[in-house]
């Protein structure tokens, strides 16, 4: 199964253990002061920050906080309109044109199991399948994280706390760039991924639970194993959603880190692996070690 939306959940109640690996210190390579790299889960409750030892002091001590986006900018009417337009399918590739009536019925059944009997696949007719996949993944994640409050999303909360402390906020990519990532790729490929999710819903939920547990326990190796599982994610999707973005972000960070102490907070799936941010920063000459 090629469940690209599983990455998006990371693009995801208890206390982090002593061996948690989601918070890393960046030093060396001529830096006068260290910076920090924090892996987030986009639908985890903000209480995880209170469980993360040293986070408050680190946030107070840095000059800047960078996320995937400047979250306040992504919530503007202009940004919301841009996202909506990016999620729209071409006229010849709307939902009922890429799915058979039977497939539309199956999709309706899945949507109703999460969102109630009033919701049907027809309501998503103008949108690309990737948009529907994202909606379903968010609904599944809210079952896994019942404490999740959409008004206090983790990445937004970090930036809000930083702004209250007078920190400069920055983004590693623009809203336009993220829209291209989330809703790019062929509509046919998106449709195939969505059908896989419908056919194997129970497996997808179980893997999402395992991903959430790995995040709670700070286990980047397990996170990497899940997001690289070919049954869950296609190699093309991994390259588009994670690897290429990591390479772009490191170029931004190479220019940024010598100028200030920065807390970089991005989805935890971007940290591990040979093409993850930890390895790429080390290749740039930095020392990257667990906090």
Protein backbone atom coordinates (compact mmCIF):
# COMPACT_ATOMS: atom_id res chain seq x y z
CA UNK A 1 0.00 0.00 0.00
CA UNK A 2 1.29 3.45 -0.92
CA UNK A 3 -0.16 5.55 1.84
CA UNK A 4 1.54 8.92 1.23
CA UNK A 5 -0.76 10.65 3.68
CA UNK A 6 0.98 8.74 6.48
CA UNK A 7 4.03 10.92 5.85
CA UNK A 8 1.87 14.02 5.81
CA UNK A 9 0.75 13.24 9.33
CA UNK A 10 4.32 13.67 10.34
CA UNK A 11 4.62 16.28 7.03
CA UNK A 12 2.57 13.23 13.83
CA UNK A 13 0.40 11.60 25.64
CA UNK A 14 2.80 10.38 27.66
CA UNK A 15 6.22 11.46 28.95
CA UNK A 16 9.22 11.16 26.65
CA UNK A 17 11.75 8.63 27.91
CA UNK A 18 15.34 9.33 28.81
CA UNK A 19 16.47 8.03 25.42
CA UNK A 20 14.10 10.24 23.42
CA UNK A 21 15.67 11.34 20.18
CA UNK A 22 13.43 14.09 18.87
CA UNK A 23 15.52 17.00 20.23
CA UNK A 24 19.06 17.48 18.94
CA UNK A 25 21.82 20.03 19.50
CA UNK A 26 23.76 21.49 16.55
CA UNK A 27 27.24 22.81 17.29
CA UNK A 28 30.77 22.97 15.89
CA UNK A 29 31.76 24.09 12.40
CA UNK A 30 32.61 27.55 13.73
CA UNK A 31 29.27 28.21 15.47
CA UNK A 32 29.62 30.56 18.45
CA UNK A 33 26.37 29.32 19.99
CA UNK A 34 24.48 26.07 19.43
CA UNK A 35 21.24 25.67 17.54
CA UNK A 36 18.64 22.93 18.01
CA UNK A 37 16.60 20.56 15.85
CA UNK A 38 13.21 19.38 17.12
CA UNK A 39 11.06 16.74 15.44
CA UNK A 40 7.33 17.44 15.67
CA UNK A 41 4.18 15.46 14.99
CA UNK A 42 1.61 17.61 13.22
CA UNK A 43 -1.39 16.22 15.10
CA UNK A 44 0.09 15.45 18.52
CA UNK A 45 -1.28 17.39 21.51
CA UNK A 46 0.83 20.30 22.72
CA UNK A 47 1.30 18.59 26.08
CA UNK A 48 4.28 16.80 24.51
CA UNK A 49 6.24 20.04 24.88
CA UNK A 50 5.76 19.98 28.64
CA UNK A 51 7.10 16.42 28.69
CA UNK A 52 10.25 17.37 26.80
CA UNK A 53 12.98 18.11 29.32
CA UNK A 54 14.89 21.32 28.62
CA UNK A 55 12.59 22.58 25.88
CA UNK A 56 11.54 25.73 27.74
CA UNK A 57 15.13 26.80 28.41
CA UNK A 58 16.14 26.11 24.82
CA UNK A 59 13.24 28.14 23.45
CA UNK A 60 14.10 31.02 25.77
CA UNK A 61 17.77 30.94 24.78
CA UNK A 62 17.62 30.91 20.98
CA UNK A 63 17.38 33.98 18.76
CA UNK A 64 15.08 32.56 16.11
CA UNK A 65 12.58 29.75 15.56
CA UNK A 66 12.18 28.23 12.10
CA UNK A 67 9.49 25.79 11.04
CA UNK A 68 8.48 24.25 7.76
CA UNK A 69 6.29 27.33 7.30
CA UNK A 70 5.59 30.54 9.16
CA UNK A 71 2.36 29.17 10.58
CA UNK A 72 0.67 32.57 11.03
CA UNK A 73 1.20 33.28 7.33
CA UNK A 74 -0.27 29.92 6.32
CA UNK A 75 -3.53 30.82 8.08
CA UNK A 76 -4.16 34.06 6.18
CA UNK A 77 -7.10 34.24 3.72
CA UNK A 78 -4.67 34.57 0.83
CA UNK A 79 -2.77 31.43 1.87
CA UNK A 80 -5.97 29.49 2.44
CA UNK A 81 -7.18 30.44 -1.03
CA UNK A 82 -3.85 29.37 -2.51
CA UNK A 83 -4.09 25.98 -0.77
CA UNK A 84 -7.66 25.51 -1.94
CA UNK A 85 -6.69 26.24 -5.53
CA UNK A 86 -3.73 23.84 -5.36
CA UNK A 87 -6.06 21.10 -4.08
CA UNK A 88 -8.52 21.52 -6.96
CA UNK A 89 -8.44 18.84 -9.64
CA UNK A 90 -8.39 19.60 -13.37
CA UNK A 91 -11.87 19.55 -14.89
CA UNK A 92 -11.25 16.19 -16.56
CA UNK A 93 -9.89 14.60 -13.36
CA UNK A 94 -12.41 15.36 -10.65
CA UNK A 95 -13.21 12.62 -8.17
CA UNK A 96 -16.07 10.95 -10.05
CA UNK A 97 -13.99 10.94 -13.24
CA UNK A 98 -11.08 9.02 -11.71
CA UNK A 99 -13.17 6.65 -9.57
CA UNK A 100 -15.94 4.25 -10.60
CA UNK A 101 -19.37 4.50 -8.92
CA UNK A 102 -18.49 1.47 -6.77
CA UNK A 103 -15.23 3.09 -5.71
CA UNK A 104 -17.07 6.31 -4.88
CA UNK A 105 -19.43 4.29 -2.68
CA UNK A 106 -16.50 2.69 -0.86
CA UNK A 107 -14.93 6.09 -0.33
CA UNK A 108 -18.22 7.44 1.01
CA UNK A 109 -18.38 4.58 3.51
CA UNK A 110 -14.90 5.38 4.78
CA UNK A 111 -15.59 9.10 5.06
CA UNK A 112 -18.83 8.50 6.93
CA UNK A 113 -17.11 6.22 9.44
CA UNK A 114 -15.03 9.23 10.54
CA UNK A 115 -17.15 12.26 9.74
CA UNK A 116 -20.78 11.13 10.06
CA UNK A 117 -23.57 9.99 7.72
CA UNK A 118 -24.03 13.42 6.19
CA UNK A 119 -20.65 13.30 4.42
CA UNK A 120 -20.30 11.68 1.01
CA UNK A 121 -17.53 11.40 -1.54
CA UNK A 122 -19.57 13.74 -3.78
CA UNK A 123 -18.77 16.57 -1.36
CA UNK A 124 -15.12 16.27 -2.44
CA UNK A 125 -15.90 16.09 -6.16
CA UNK A 126 -13.81 19.15 -7.20
CA UNK A 127 -10.71 18.12 -5.25
CA UNK A 128 -7.64 16.03 -6.02
CA UNK A 129 -7.48 12.63 -4.32
CA UNK A 130 -4.52 13.87 -2.24
CA UNK A 131 -6.86 16.32 -0.53
CA UNK A 132 -9.24 13.51 0.43
CA UNK A 133 -6.31 11.41 1.67
CA UNK A 134 -5.19 14.28 3.89
CA UNK A 135 -8.68 14.75 5.34
CA UNK A 136 -8.94 11.02 6.12
CA UNK A 137 -5.49 10.92 7.69
CA UNK A 138 -6.33 13.84 9.96
CA UNK A 139 -9.54 12.12 11.02
CA UNK A 140 -7.67 8.90 11.76
CA UNK A 141 -5.01 10.78 13.70
CA UNK A 142 -7.62 12.45 15.89
CA UNK A 143 -8.81 8.98 16.91
CA UNK A 144 -5.25 8.03 17.82
CA UNK A 145 -4.62 11.32 19.63
CA UNK A 146 -7.94 12.08 21.36
CA UNK A 147 -6.26 14.97 23.17
CA UNK A 148 -5.44 16.76 19.91
CA UNK A 149 -6.90 20.26 19.71
CA UNK A 150 -6.81 21.62 16.12
CA UNK A 151 -6.72 25.16 17.51
CA UNK A 152 -3.43 24.33 19.27
CA UNK A 153 -1.47 22.47 16.63
CA UNK A 154 2.06 21.63 17.80
CA UNK A 155 4.08 23.54 15.20
CA UNK A 156 1.81 26.56 15.60
CA UNK A 157 2.11 26.40 19.38
CA UNK A 158 5.91 26.41 19.24
CA UNK A 159 5.92 29.47 17.03
CA UNK A 160 3.30 31.21 19.18
CA UNK A 161 5.35 30.64 22.32
CA UNK A 162 8.46 31.88 20.53
CA UNK A 163 6.69 35.02 19.32
CA UNK A 164 5.51 35.74 22.87
CA UNK A 165 9.18 35.63 23.91
CA UNK A 166 10.11 38.11 21.18
CA UNK A 167 11.84 35.58 18.93
CA UNK A 168 12.09 36.01 15.18
CA UNK A 169 9.98 33.44 13.30
CA UNK A 170 10.97 32.02 9.93
CA UNK A 171 9.97 29.32 7.47
CA UNK A 172 12.08 26.87 5.49
CA UNK A 173 9.64 26.97 2.60
CA UNK A 174 6.75 29.06 1.34
CA UNK A 175 3.07 28.18 1.26
CA UNK A 176 3.35 27.83 -2.52
CA UNK A 177 6.19 25.34 -2.17
CA UNK A 178 4.33 23.26 0.40
CA UNK A 179 1.19 23.19 -1.74
CA UNK A 180 3.24 21.84 -4.62
CA UNK A 181 4.59 19.11 -2.34
CA UNK A 182 1.26 18.08 -0.80
CA UNK A 183 -0.85 18.19 -3.94
CA UNK A 184 1.77 17.60 -6.62
CA UNK A 185 2.27 14.41 -8.55
CA UNK A 186 -0.15 12.81 -10.98
CA UNK A 187 -3.83 12.62 -10.14
CA UNK A 188 -3.77 8.97 -11.21
CA UNK A 189 -1.06 8.24 -8.65
CA UNK A 190 -2.98 10.08 -5.96
CA UNK A 191 -6.11 8.09 -6.82
CA UNK A 192 -4.21 4.81 -6.55
CA UNK A 193 -2.88 5.80 -3.13
CA UNK A 194 -6.35 6.74 -1.91
CA UNK A 195 -7.86 3.47 -3.10
CA UNK A 196 -5.10 1.58 -1.30
CA UNK A 197 -6.04 3.43 1.88
CA UNK A 198 -9.71 2.52 1.48
CA UNK A 199 -8.98 -1.15 0.77
CA UNK A 200 -6.61 -1.58 3.71
CA UNK A 201 -7.99 0.87 6.24
CA UNK A 202 -7.32 -1.28 9.31
CA UNK A 203 -3.66 -1.72 8.40
CA UNK A 204 -3.25 2.00 7.77
CA UNK A 205 -4.72 2.84 11.18
CA UNK A 206 -2.48 0.28 12.88
CA UNK A 207 0.59 1.75 11.22
CA UNK A 208 -0.51 5.24 12.19
CA UNK A 209 -0.78 4.03 15.80
CA UNK A 210 2.71 2.56 15.61
CA UNK A 211 3.99 5.80 14.15
CA UNK A 212 2.40 7.79 16.98
CA UNK A 213 3.89 5.43 19.58
CA UNK A 214 7.33 5.72 17.99
CA UNK A 215 7.03 9.49 18.13
CA UNK A 216 5.92 9.51 21.76
CA UNK A 217 8.90 7.31 22.61
CA UNK A 218 11.25 9.44 20.53
CA UNK A 219 12.31 6.46 18.44
CA UNK A 220 13.54 7.85 15.14
CA UNK A 221 14.70 4.45 13.89
CA UNK A 222 11.17 3.09 14.13
CA UNK A 223 9.75 6.22 12.52
CA UNK A 224 12.16 5.79 9.62
CA UNK A 225 11.27 2.10 9.23
CA UNK A 226 7.55 2.92 9.02
CA UNK A 227 7.84 5.76 6.53
CA UNK A 228 10.22 3.75 4.33
CA UNK A 229 7.99 0.66 4.33
CA UNK A 230 7.19 0.10 0.63
CA UNK A 231 3.80 -1.29 1.65
CA UNK A 232 2.95 2.09 3.10
CA UNK A 233 4.75 4.70 1.00
CA UNK A 234 6.03 4.74 -2.56
CA UNK A 235 9.67 5.68 -3.12
CA UNK A 236 8.53 8.55 -5.36
CA UNK A 237 6.37 9.96 -2.57
CA UNK A 238 9.18 9.66 -0.02
CA UNK A 239 11.51 11.48 -2.38
CA UNK A 240 9.00 14.26 -3.06
CA UNK A 241 7.65 14.71 0.47
CA UNK A 242 10.85 14.26 2.46
CA UNK A 243 14.18 13.81 0.68
CA UNK A 244 14.08 16.71 -1.79
CA UNK A 245 12.73 19.05 0.84
CA UNK A 246 15.48 18.07 3.28
CA UNK A 247 18.12 18.87 0.67
CA UNK A 248 16.52 22.27 0.03
CA UNK A 249 16.20 23.01 3.75
CA UNK A 250 19.84 22.22 4.50
CA UNK A 251 20.89 24.81 1.94
CA UNK A 252 18.78 27.37 3.83
CA UNK A 253 20.19 26.26 7.18
CA UNK A 254 23.80 26.35 5.98
CA UNK A 255 23.36 30.09 5.43
CA UNK A 256 21.27 30.66 8.57
CA UNK A 257 23.10 28.77 11.33
CA UNK A 258 26.30 30.88 11.30
CA UNK A 259 24.23 34.03 11.89
CA UNK A 260 22.15 33.11 14.96
CA UNK A 261 21.11 30.47 17.47
CA UNK A 262 18.03 28.81 15.96
CA UNK A 263 15.44 26.26 17.03
CA UNK A 264 14.38 24.33 13.93
CA UNK A 265 11.04 22.55 14.46
CA UNK A 266 9.91 20.30 11.59
CA UNK A 267 8.10 16.98 11.21
CA UNK A 268 10.03 14.16 12.90
CA UNK A 269 10.08 12.15 9.68
CA UNK A 270 12.56 14.67 8.29
CA UNK A 271 15.23 13.88 10.91
CA UNK A 272 16.42 10.25 10.46
CA UNK A 273 18.07 8.32 7.65
CA UNK A 274 20.88 8.85 5.17
CA UNK A 275 18.90 11.69 3.57
CA UNK A 276 17.55 13.06 6.86
CA UNK A 277 18.44 16.43 8.34
CA UNK A 278 20.69 14.97 11.05
CA UNK A 279 22.93 13.24 8.51
CA UNK A 280 22.84 16.14 6.05
CA UNK A 281 23.85 18.66 8.72
CA UNK A 282 26.71 16.40 9.81
CA UNK A 283 27.88 16.29 6.20
CA UNK A 284 27.96 20.09 6.29
CA UNK A 285 30.49 19.79 9.11
CA UNK A 286 28.22 20.30 12.14
CA UNK A 287 28.16 18.18 15.28
CA UNK A 288 24.60 16.96 15.79
CA UNK A 289 23.94 15.13 19.05
CA UNK A 290 20.97 14.20 21.24
CA UNK A 291 19.90 16.61 23.96
